[in-house]
Amino acid sequence: MGLTHTVSVSTDTDTDRAALPTALAEIAEDFSSVPVRDRLELLLEFSDGLPDLPERYVGHPEKLEQVDECQSPLFLVVELDEAADGSVGDRRVHLFFQAPAEAPTTRGFAGILHEGLDGLTVPEVLAVPDDAPYRFGLAEAVSPLRLRGMVAMLSRIKRQVRLKSAA
């Protein structure tokens, strides 16, 4: 498989920022293309689209990591595919989340990260800028405390990827 291309999403204030992976950049463009009042509705679409937790994790909370910074209970786990040649660079990252249906904002953030990062390679995920959650134009639609939850999700994802790729 070829490398995923990256796209820079720029506004007047972020022209020097690191590029986002293509899927994440397209999501950011989607959010920036709708009026602020419609961004919560788009976030709810990502909430509805978040895949269910695979059966192998259901009932096994010890296999999941809680993201305490989220205002609603959110748990995640990262899996890495085994690369055919044994190299870390070709390994694909897969993300799984558990969040209650009554937490649509938290689920929406998880849905964005799932759609934007799932299936990328280890180096691509690790290269995602830490400020990526602030590039969706959601600061005008949700509280800073909620956005910190999404930042924490990304941080935990990257930490798990680093740990699992080093093992």
C-alpha atoms as a PDB file:
ATOM      1  CA  MET A   1       0.000   0.000   0.000  1.00  0.00           C
ATOM      2  CA  GLY A   2       1.173   3.524  -0.690  1.00  0.00           C
ATOM      3  CA  LEU A   3       1.639   6.200   1.865  1.00  0.00           C
ATOM      4  CA  THR A   4      -1.336   8.337   2.770  1.00  0.00           C
ATOM      5  CA  HIS A   5      -0.914  11.867   1.515  1.00  0.00           C
ATOM      6  CA  THR A   6      -1.274  14.810   3.832  1.00  0.00           C
ATOM      7  CA  VAL A   7      -3.152  17.998   3.209  1.00  0.00           C
ATOM      8  CA  SER A   8      -2.592  21.292   4.959  1.00  0.00           C
ATOM      9  CA  VAL A   9      -5.711  22.976   6.188  1.00  0.00           C
ATOM     10  CA  SER A  10      -4.930  26.645   6.531  1.00  0.00           C
ATOM     11  CA  THR A  11      -6.650  29.691   7.830  1.00  0.00           C
ATOM     12  CA  ASP A  12      -5.157  33.099   8.287  1.00  0.00           C
ATOM     13  CA  THR A  13      -3.834  32.043  11.700  1.00  0.00           C
ATOM     14  CA  ASP A  14      -2.432  28.572  11.014  1.00  0.00           C
ATOM     15  CA  THR A  15      -0.441  28.775   7.800  1.00  0.00           C
ATOM     16  CA  ASP A  16       2.721  27.406   9.440  1.00  0.00           C
ATOM     17  CA  ARG A  17       1.138  24.382  11.112  1.00  0.00           C
ATOM     18  CA  ALA A  18       2.073  20.805  10.326  1.00  0.00           C
ATOM     19  CA  ALA A  19      -0.140  19.041   7.820  1.00  0.00           C
ATOM     20  CA  LEU A  20      -2.949  16.716   8.820  1.00  0.00           C
ATOM     21  CA  PRO A  21      -3.372  13.272   7.252  1.00  0.00           C
ATOM     22  CA  THR A  22      -5.747  13.428   4.283  1.00  0.00           C
ATOM     23  CA  ALA A  23      -8.827  11.977   5.971  1.00  0.00           C
ATOM     24  CA  LEU A  24      -8.440  14.214   9.021  1.00  0.00           C
ATOM     25  CA  ALA A  25      -7.820  17.256   6.802  1.00  0.00           C
ATOM     26  CA  GLU A  26     -10.993  16.505   4.846  1.00  0.00           C
ATOM     27  CA  ILE A  27     -12.967  16.306   8.090  1.00  0.00           C
ATOM     28  CA  ALA A  28     -11.494  19.654   9.181  1.00  0.00           C
ATOM     29  CA  GLU A  29     -12.502  21.131   5.821  1.00  0.00           C
ATOM     30  CA  ASP A  30     -16.029  19.767   6.265  1.00  0.00           C
ATOM     31  CA  PHE A  31     -16.337  21.469   9.644  1.00  0.00           C
ATOM     32  CA  SER A  32     -14.885  24.750   8.420  1.00  0.00           C
ATOM     33  CA  SER A  33     -17.255  24.778   5.430  1.00  0.00           C
ATOM     34  CA  VAL A  34     -20.410  24.829   7.567  1.00  0.00           C
ATOM     35  CA  PRO A  35     -21.631  27.734   9.702  1.00  0.00           C
ATOM     36  CA  VAL A  36     -20.740  27.530  13.399  1.00  0.00           C
ATOM     37  CA  ARG A  37     -24.374  26.833  14.315  1.00  0.00           C
ATOM     38  CA  ASP A  38     -24.312  23.669  12.149  1.00  0.00           C
ATOM     39  CA  ARG A  39     -21.044  22.248  13.500  1.00  0.00           C
ATOM     40  CA  LEU A  40     -22.721  20.516  16.438  1.00  0.00           C
ATOM     41  CA  GLU A  41     -25.035  18.735  14.025  1.00  0.00           C
ATOM     42  CA  LEU A  42     -22.022  17.552  12.017  1.00  0.00           C
ATOM     43  CA  LEU A  43     -20.388  16.413  15.269  1.00  0.00           C
ATOM     44  CA  LEU A  44     -23.532  14.397  16.025  1.00  0.00           C
ATOM     45  CA  GLU A  45     -23.178  12.658  12.655  1.00  0.00           C
ATOM     46  CA  PHE A  46     -19.711  11.502  13.724  1.00  0.00           C
ATOM     47  CA  SER A  47     -21.214  10.370  17.037  1.00  0.00           C
ATOM     48  CA  ASP A  48     -23.784   8.264  15.210  1.00  0.00           C
ATOM     49  CA  GLY A  49     -21.107   6.840  12.916  1.00  0.00           C
ATOM     50  CA  LEU A  50     -18.777   5.643  15.672  1.00  0.00           C
ATOM     51  CA  PRO A  51     -18.469   1.856  15.271  1.00  0.00           C
ATOM     52  CA  ASP A  52     -19.450  -0.397  18.155  1.00  0.00           C
ATOM     53  CA  LEU A  53     -16.735  -1.871  20.288  1.00  0.00           C
ATOM     54  CA  PRO A  54     -15.650  -5.278  18.897  1.00  0.00           C
ATOM     55  CA  GLU A  55     -16.953  -8.274  20.814  1.00  0.00           C
ATOM     56  CA  ARG A  56     -13.425  -9.198  21.991  1.00  0.00           C
ATOM     57  CA  TYR A  57     -13.409  -6.044  24.146  1.00  0.00           C
ATOM     58  CA  VAL A  58     -17.016  -6.071  25.370  1.00  0.00           C
ATOM     59  CA  GLY A  59     -17.068  -6.916  29.066  1.00  0.00           C
ATOM     60  CA  HIS A  60     -13.283  -6.566  29.356  1.00  0.00           C
ATOM     61  CA  PRO A  61     -12.665  -3.073  30.757  1.00  0.00           C
ATOM     62  CA  GLU A  62      -9.126  -4.072  31.736  1.00  0.00           C
ATOM     63  CA  LYS A  63      -8.222  -4.139  28.026  1.00  0.00           C
ATOM     64  CA  LEU A  64      -9.340  -0.522  27.524  1.00  0.00           C
ATOM     65  CA  GLU A  65      -7.812   2.744  28.678  1.00  0.00           C
ATOM     66  CA  GLN A  66     -10.101   5.375  30.176  1.00  0.00           C
ATOM     67  CA  VAL A  67      -9.581   8.950  29.062  1.00  0.00           C
ATOM     68  CA  ASP A  68     -10.232  10.707  32.363  1.00  0.00           C
ATOM     69  CA  GLU A  69     -10.094  14.177  30.821  1.00  0.00           C
ATOM     70  CA  CYS A  70     -13.328  13.532  28.921  1.00  0.00           C
ATOM     71  CA  GLN A  71     -16.450  14.838  30.640  1.00  0.00           C
ATOM     72  CA  SER A  72     -18.250  11.589  29.794  1.00  0.00           C
ATOM     73  CA  PRO A  73     -16.826   8.094  30.267  1.00  0.00           C
ATOM     74  CA  LEU A  74     -14.711   7.255  27.238  1.00  0.00           C
ATOM     75  CA  PHE A  75     -12.485   4.223  26.845  1.00  0.00           C
ATOM     76  CA  LEU A  76     -10.174   3.389  23.971  1.00  0.00           C
ATOM     77  CA  VAL A  77      -7.764   0.776  22.765  1.00  0.00           C
ATOM     78  CA  VAL A  78      -5.303   0.731  19.883  1.00  0.00           C
ATOM     79  CA  GLU A  79      -4.323  -2.322  17.855  1.00  0.00           C
ATOM     80  CA  LEU A  80      -1.499  -2.549  15.333  1.00  0.00           C
ATOM     81  CA  ASP A  81      -1.530  -4.876  12.344  1.00  0.00           C
ATOM     82  CA  GLU A  82       1.480  -7.057  11.917  1.00  0.00           C
ATOM     83  CA  ALA A  83       3.527  -5.786   8.984  1.00  0.00           C
ATOM     84  CA  ALA A  84       4.290  -8.369   6.325  1.00  0.00           C
ATOM     85  CA  ASP A  85       7.997  -7.537   6.438  1.00  0.00           C
ATOM     86  CA  GLY A  86       8.146  -7.034  10.201  1.00  0.00           C
ATOM     87  CA  SER A  87       8.809  -3.301   9.953  1.00  0.00           C
ATOM     88  CA  VAL A  88       7.091  -0.812  12.221  1.00  0.00           C
ATOM     89  CA  GLY A  89       6.485   1.684   9.399  1.00  0.00           C
ATOM     90  CA  ASP A  90       4.097  -0.555   7.486  1.00  0.00           C
ATOM     91  CA  ARG A  91       1.975  -1.471  10.503  1.00  0.00           C
ATOM     92  CA  ARG A  92      -1.554  -0.077  10.365  1.00  0.00           C
ATOM     93  CA  VAL A  93      -3.239   1.441  13.398  1.00  0.00           C
ATOM     94  CA  HIS A  94      -6.784   0.447  14.356  1.00  0.00           C
ATOM     95  CA  LEU A  95      -8.782   2.367  16.939  1.00  0.00           C
ATOM     96  CA  PHE A  96     -11.663   1.199  19.084  1.00  0.00           C
ATOM     97  CA  PHE A  97     -13.757   3.363  21.394  1.00  0.00           C
ATOM     98  CA  GLN A  98     -16.442   2.852  23.990  1.00  0.00           C
ATOM     99  CA  ALA A  99     -18.613   5.819  24.942  1.00  0.00           C
ATOM    100  CA  PRO A 100     -22.243   5.923  26.025  1.00  0.00           C
ATOM    101  CA  ALA A 101     -24.920   6.929  23.521  1.00  0.00           C
ATOM    102  CA  GLU A 102     -25.974   9.707  25.892  1.00  0.00           C
ATOM    103  CA  ALA A 103     -22.551  11.374  25.426  1.00  0.00           C
ATOM    104  CA  PRO A 104     -22.860  12.572  21.805  1.00  0.00           C
ATOM    105  CA  THR A 105     -20.103  15.194  21.983  1.00  0.00           C
ATOM    106  CA  THR A 106     -17.556  12.736  23.343  1.00  0.00           C
ATOM    107  CA  ARG A 107     -18.698  10.093  20.859  1.00  0.00           C
ATOM    108  CA  GLY A 108     -18.445  12.674  18.076  1.00  0.00           C
ATOM    109  CA  PHE A 109     -14.828  13.453  18.965  1.00  0.00           C
ATOM    110  CA  ALA A 110     -14.058   9.726  19.012  1.00  0.00           C
ATOM    111  CA  GLY A 111     -15.844   9.362  15.668  1.00  0.00           C
ATOM    112  CA  ILE A 112     -13.689  12.092  14.123  1.00  0.00           C
ATOM    113  CA  LEU A 113     -10.499  10.457  15.364  1.00  0.00           C
ATOM    114  CA  HIS A 114     -11.668   7.032  14.251  1.00  0.00           C
ATOM    115  CA  GLU A 115     -12.543   8.186  10.753  1.00  0.00           C
ATOM    116  CA  GLY A 116      -9.432  10.333  10.444  1.00  0.00           C
ATOM    117  CA  LEU A 117      -6.818   7.976  11.887  1.00  0.00           C
ATOM    118  CA  ASP A 118      -7.998   4.377  11.684  1.00  0.00           C
ATOM    119  CA  GLY A 119      -5.974   2.478   9.090  1.00  0.00           C
ATOM    120  CA  LEU A 120      -3.062   4.918   8.949  1.00  0.00           C
ATOM    121  CA  THR A 121       0.483   3.673   9.482  1.00  0.00           C
ATOM    122  CA  VAL A 122       2.316   4.039  12.774  1.00  0.00           C
ATOM    123  CA  PRO A 123       4.480   6.957  11.513  1.00  0.00           C
ATOM    124  CA  GLU A 124       1.428   8.728  10.071  1.00  0.00           C
ATOM    125  CA  VAL A 125      -0.458   8.572  13.374  1.00  0.00           C
ATOM    126  CA  LEU A 126       2.578   9.678  15.360  1.00  0.00           C
ATOM    127  CA  ALA A 127       3.046  12.634  12.991  1.00  0.00           C
ATOM    128  CA  VAL A 128      -0.459  14.000  13.643  1.00  0.00           C
ATOM    129  CA  PRO A 129       0.030  17.416  15.230  1.00  0.00           C
ATOM    130  CA  ASP A 130      -1.009  17.597  18.865  1.00  0.00           C
ATOM    131  CA  ASP A 131      -3.147  20.650  18.070  1.00  0.00           C
ATOM    132  CA  ALA A 132      -5.229  18.745  15.495  1.00  0.00           C
ATOM    133  CA  PRO A 133      -8.404  18.817  17.644  1.00  0.00           C
ATOM    134  CA  TYR A 134      -8.360  22.619  17.489  1.00  0.00           C
ATOM    135  CA  ARG A 135      -8.452  22.592  13.680  1.00  0.00           C
ATOM    136  CA  PHE A 136     -12.094  21.562  13.364  1.00  0.00           C
ATOM    137  CA  GLY A 137     -13.545  24.952  14.253  1.00  0.00           C
ATOM    138  CA  LEU A 138     -15.318  23.464  17.241  1.00  0.00           C
ATOM    139  CA  ALA A 139     -13.995  25.995  19.778  1.00  0.00           C
ATOM    140  CA  GLU A 140     -16.946  28.210  18.860  1.00  0.00           C
ATOM    141  CA  ALA A 141     -19.417  25.349  19.336  1.00  0.00           C
ATOM    142  CA  VAL A 142     -18.206  23.456  22.441  1.00  0.00           C
ATOM    143  CA  SER A 143     -16.469  24.389  25.673  1.00  0.00           C
ATOM    144  CA  PRO A 144     -12.674  24.428  26.024  1.00  0.00           C
ATOM    145  CA  LEU A 145     -13.037  21.667  28.622  1.00  0.00           C
ATOM    146  CA  ARG A 146     -14.682  19.421  26.031  1.00  0.00           C
ATOM    147  CA  LEU A 147     -11.955  20.150  23.470  1.00  0.00           C
ATOM    148  CA  ARG A 148      -9.326  19.182  26.041  1.00  0.00           C
ATOM    149  CA  GLY A 149     -11.016  15.788  26.161  1.00  0.00           C
ATOM    150  CA  MET A 150     -10.410  15.344  22.431  1.00  0.00           C
ATOM    151  CA  VAL A 151      -6.785  16.459  22.851  1.00  0.00           C
ATOM    152  CA  ALA A 152      -6.424  13.834  25.592  1.00  0.00           C
ATOM    153  CA  MET A 153      -7.913  11.153  23.304  1.00  0.00           C
ATOM    154  CA  LEU A 154      -5.333  11.952  20.617  1.00  0.00           C
ATOM    155  CA  SER A 155      -2.552  11.948  23.201  1.00  0.00           C
ATOM    156  CA  ARG A 156      -3.597   8.521  24.530  1.00  0.00           C
ATOM    157  CA  ILE A 157      -3.862   7.130  21.003  1.00  0.00           C
ATOM    158  CA  LYS A 158      -0.351   8.294  20.158  1.00  0.00           C
ATOM    159  CA  ARG A 159       1.019   6.985  23.470  1.00  0.00           C
ATOM    160  CA  GLN A 160      -0.515   3.547  22.879  1.00  0.00           C
ATOM    161  CA  VAL A 161       0.824   3.503  19.313  1.00  0.00           C
ATOM    162  CA  ARG A 162       4.330   4.324  20.572  1.00  0.00           C
ATOM    163  CA  LEU A 163       4.176   1.639  23.281  1.00  0.00           C
ATOM    164  CA  LYS A 164       2.758  -1.069  21.034  1.00  0.00           C
ATOM    165  CA  SER A 165       5.093  -0.318  18.125  1.00  0.00           C
ATOM    166  CA  ALA A 166       8.119  -0.511  20.450  1.00  0.00           C
ATOM    167  CA  ALA A 167       7.042  -3.886  21.883  1.00  0.00           C
END
